[in-house]
Amino acid sequence: MNADKKQPLNSFLLFFILVAVYLIVSIPFKVMEIIPGFTDIRPVSMLQPVYGIFFGIPGCLAFAVGNLITDIVSDSLRWSSIAGFAANFLGPFCYYIFWCRLSRRSLDMRSIKNILIHIAVVAVAAVITAGIIAPAVALSYPDVDLQLLITTIMINSTVFPILLGIPLIIVLQEELGFKVRYFGKGKV
């Protein structure tokens, strides 16, 4: 079998593996709801930068699909899940765009400057995630505590990608040899 025929199969398999990893990390924490049916404690958010940086578009899509499946199996599927799908694609996509397309810096978490840059990307991804999900929930379910929802989304989307995501990136890159999916030109 030539390389052209293997590539779609490998991407398809990668996608399913990433979705499975998402579900393994996500589903056990669905019982820790903050606003039942809308938000919970989400350590799975630590995978956002990993999926975007190391797996590119398939990782972004796997993160979104994993979130949708989690909503379905946890009886949290709502109209706002459409916005959740978009937000959970765009979250990892922020990391992909910055580290793999825009930045001229190589990704390593050995320097304070790169860690601070990464934290800034985390903040942007968190604002985008909250900015997509919160209005959809507010329009569809006006009785939901919007302030609590936004606070929970922001905490989940910043704390876990920083406190757990950065160490995970270091382990994957330094110990396991994962490579950043560079598609831009001029990488150092």
Protein backbone atom coordinates (compact mmCIF):
# COMPACT_ATOMS: atom_id res chain seq x y z
CA MET A 1 0.00 0.00 0.00
CA ASN A 2 1.46 3.38 -0.93
CA ALA A 3 1.77 6.39 1.40
CA ASP A 4 -1.18 8.24 -0.18
CA LYS A 5 -3.63 5.51 0.82
CA LYS A 6 -2.19 5.18 4.33
CA GLN A 7 -2.49 8.89 5.19
CA PRO A 8 -6.34 9.10 5.31
CA LEU A 9 -6.48 5.83 7.27
CA ASN A 10 -3.87 7.09 9.73
CA SER A 11 -5.73 10.42 10.16
CA PHE A 12 -9.00 8.58 10.67
CA LEU A 13 -7.45 6.25 13.25
CA LEU A 14 -5.73 9.19 14.97
CA PHE A 15 -9.06 11.01 15.17
CA PHE A 16 -10.77 8.06 16.86
CA ILE A 17 -7.90 7.55 19.30
CA LEU A 18 -8.02 11.24 20.25
CA VAL A 19 -11.80 11.10 20.75
CA ALA A 20 -11.37 7.99 22.94
CA VAL A 21 -8.71 9.71 25.07
CA TYR A 22 -11.01 12.73 25.41
CA LEU A 23 -13.89 10.53 26.61
CA ILE A 24 -11.68 8.64 29.07
CA VAL A 25 -10.59 11.92 30.67
CA SER A 26 -13.93 13.74 30.38
CA ILE A 27 -16.71 11.35 31.36
CA PRO A 28 -15.60 10.57 34.94
CA PHE A 29 -15.76 14.28 35.82
CA LYS A 30 -19.28 14.88 34.45
CA VAL A 31 -20.59 14.15 37.94
CA MET A 32 -18.86 17.30 39.23
CA GLU A 33 -21.46 19.67 37.77
CA ILE A 34 -21.46 23.38 38.55
CA ILE A 35 -24.59 24.18 36.54
CA PRO A 36 -26.33 20.85 35.84
CA GLY A 37 -26.54 20.17 32.12
CA PHE A 38 -24.36 23.15 31.20
CA THR A 39 -20.97 23.15 32.90
CA ASP A 40 -18.85 21.09 35.25
CA ILE A 41 -15.28 20.69 36.46
CA ARG A 42 -13.34 19.97 33.23
CA PRO A 43 -9.79 18.64 33.66
CA VAL A 44 -10.16 17.49 30.03
CA SER A 45 -9.47 21.13 29.11
CA MET A 46 -5.79 20.33 29.68
CA LEU A 47 -5.95 18.50 26.34
CA GLN A 48 -6.91 21.62 24.36
CA PRO A 49 -3.34 22.83 23.75
CA VAL A 50 -2.07 19.27 23.26
CA TYR A 51 -4.70 18.45 20.63
CA GLY A 52 -4.14 21.71 18.76
CA ILE A 53 -0.34 21.81 18.89
CA PHE A 54 0.56 18.16 18.34
CA PHE A 55 -2.38 16.95 16.23
CA GLY A 56 -3.55 20.01 14.29
CA ILE A 57 -6.98 20.04 12.66
CA PRO A 58 -7.74 16.35 13.43
CA GLY A 59 -7.02 17.13 17.10
CA CYS A 60 -9.27 20.20 17.06
CA LEU A 61 -12.09 18.21 15.50
CA ALA A 62 -11.56 15.30 17.92
CA PHE A 63 -11.80 17.70 20.87
CA ALA A 64 -15.12 19.08 19.57
CA VAL A 65 -16.57 15.66 18.76
CA GLY A 66 -15.43 14.30 22.13
CA ASN A 67 -17.26 17.14 23.87
CA LEU A 68 -20.41 16.47 21.84
CA ILE A 69 -20.32 12.74 22.66
CA THR A 70 -19.78 13.58 26.34
CA ASP A 71 -22.87 15.83 26.21
CA ILE A 72 -24.87 13.00 24.65
CA VAL A 73 -23.84 10.25 27.09
CA SER A 74 -24.21 12.51 30.14
CA ASP A 75 -27.71 13.69 29.14
CA SER A 76 -26.40 17.26 28.70
CA LEU A 77 -27.24 17.62 25.02
CA ARG A 78 -28.94 20.98 24.52
CA TRP A 79 -29.36 23.48 21.69
CA SER A 80 -26.36 25.29 23.14
CA SER A 81 -24.30 22.14 22.43
CA ILE A 82 -23.97 23.46 18.87
CA ALA A 83 -22.11 26.47 20.26
CA GLY A 84 -20.20 24.09 22.54
CA PHE A 85 -19.09 22.11 19.49
CA ALA A 86 -17.85 25.29 17.77
CA ALA A 87 -16.13 26.57 20.93
CA ASN A 88 -14.49 23.23 21.61
CA PHE A 89 -13.11 23.20 18.07
CA LEU A 90 -11.89 26.80 18.22
CA GLY A 91 -10.20 26.40 21.62
CA PRO A 92 -7.58 23.92 20.38
CA PHE A 93 -7.55 25.75 17.03
CA CYS A 94 -6.18 28.87 18.80
CA TYR A 95 -3.14 26.87 19.92
CA TYR A 96 -2.74 25.34 16.48
CA ILE A 97 -2.92 28.71 14.73
CA PHE A 98 -0.53 30.42 17.10
CA TRP A 99 2.16 27.79 17.66
CA CYS A 100 1.94 26.03 14.29
CA ARG A 101 1.15 28.87 11.88
CA LEU A 102 1.85 32.34 13.27
CA SER A 103 4.67 32.06 15.76
CA ARG A 104 8.22 32.15 14.53
CA ARG A 105 9.31 30.69 17.87
CA SER A 106 9.74 26.99 18.34
CA LEU A 107 7.54 25.56 21.05
CA ASP A 108 9.38 24.60 24.17
CA MET A 109 8.38 25.16 27.73
CA ARG A 110 11.97 25.69 28.90
CA SER A 111 11.85 29.47 28.80
CA ILE A 112 9.78 31.83 30.88
CA LYS A 113 9.04 33.85 27.72
CA ASN A 114 7.49 30.84 25.96
CA ILE A 115 5.49 29.94 29.06
CA LEU A 116 4.15 33.50 29.26
CA ILE A 117 3.32 33.48 25.56
CA HIS A 118 1.55 30.16 26.02
CA ILE A 119 -0.43 31.57 28.96
CA ALA A 120 -1.50 34.50 26.73
CA VAL A 121 -2.74 32.01 24.10
CA VAL A 122 -4.57 30.14 26.88
CA ALA A 123 -6.32 33.39 27.85
CA VAL A 124 -7.33 34.12 24.25
CA ALA A 125 -8.68 30.57 23.80
CA ALA A 126 -10.64 30.89 27.08
CA VAL A 127 -12.22 34.20 26.05
CA ILE A 128 -13.19 32.76 22.65
CA THR A 129 -14.69 29.66 24.30
CA ALA A 130 -16.71 31.70 26.80
CA GLY A 131 -17.65 34.22 24.09
CA ILE A 132 -19.22 31.50 21.98
CA ILE A 133 -20.90 29.35 24.64
CA ALA A 134 -22.26 32.03 27.00
CA PRO A 135 -24.41 33.92 24.45
CA ALA A 136 -25.84 30.65 23.09
CA VAL A 137 -26.81 29.52 26.59
CA ALA A 138 -28.20 32.97 27.46
CA LEU A 139 -30.37 33.02 24.33
CA SER A 140 -31.64 29.46 24.68
CA TYR A 141 -31.87 29.22 28.47
CA PRO A 142 -32.29 32.69 30.02
CA ASP A 143 -32.74 31.29 33.53
CA VAL A 144 -29.15 29.95 33.67
CA ASP A 145 -26.81 31.99 35.91
CA LEU A 146 -24.69 33.57 33.17
CA GLN A 147 -22.07 34.99 35.52
CA LEU A 148 -21.45 31.57 37.08
CA LEU A 149 -21.38 29.96 33.63
CA ILE A 150 -18.79 32.42 32.27
CA THR A 151 -16.68 32.16 35.43
CA THR A 152 -16.69 28.37 35.26
CA ILE A 153 -15.81 28.34 31.55
CA MET A 154 -12.96 30.80 32.12
CA ILE A 155 -11.58 28.85 35.09
CA ASN A 156 -11.79 25.50 33.27
CA SER A 157 -10.28 26.97 30.11
CA THR A 158 -7.33 28.60 31.89
CA VAL A 159 -6.46 26.64 35.02
CA PHE A 160 -6.34 23.16 33.49
CA PRO A 161 -4.44 24.11 30.29
CA ILE A 162 -1.87 25.95 32.44
CA LEU A 163 -1.49 23.74 35.51
CA LEU A 164 -1.91 20.37 33.77
CA GLY A 165 -1.50 21.25 30.08
CA ILE A 166 1.99 22.73 30.29
CA PRO A 167 3.44 19.73 32.17
CA LEU A 168 1.67 17.42 29.71
CA ILE A 169 3.20 19.30 26.77
CA ILE A 170 6.64 19.00 28.36
CA VAL A 171 6.24 15.25 28.93
CA LEU A 172 4.90 14.62 25.43
CA GLN A 173 7.60 16.71 23.77
CA GLU A 174 10.64 16.01 25.93
CA GLU A 175 10.03 12.44 27.06
CA LEU A 176 7.89 10.94 24.31
CA GLY A 177 9.25 12.85 21.32
CA PHE A 178 5.98 14.38 20.09
CA LYS A 179 6.54 16.96 17.38
CA VAL A 180 4.67 20.21 16.86
CA ARG A 181 2.63 20.21 13.65
CA TYR A 182 4.44 23.07 11.96
CA PHE A 183 2.78 24.17 8.76
CA GLY A 184 4.06 27.73 8.64
CA LYS A 185 7.33 28.85 7.11
CA GLY A 186 10.42 30.03 8.89
CA LYS A 187 10.30 27.86 12.03
CA VAL A 188 13.33 28.05 14.25
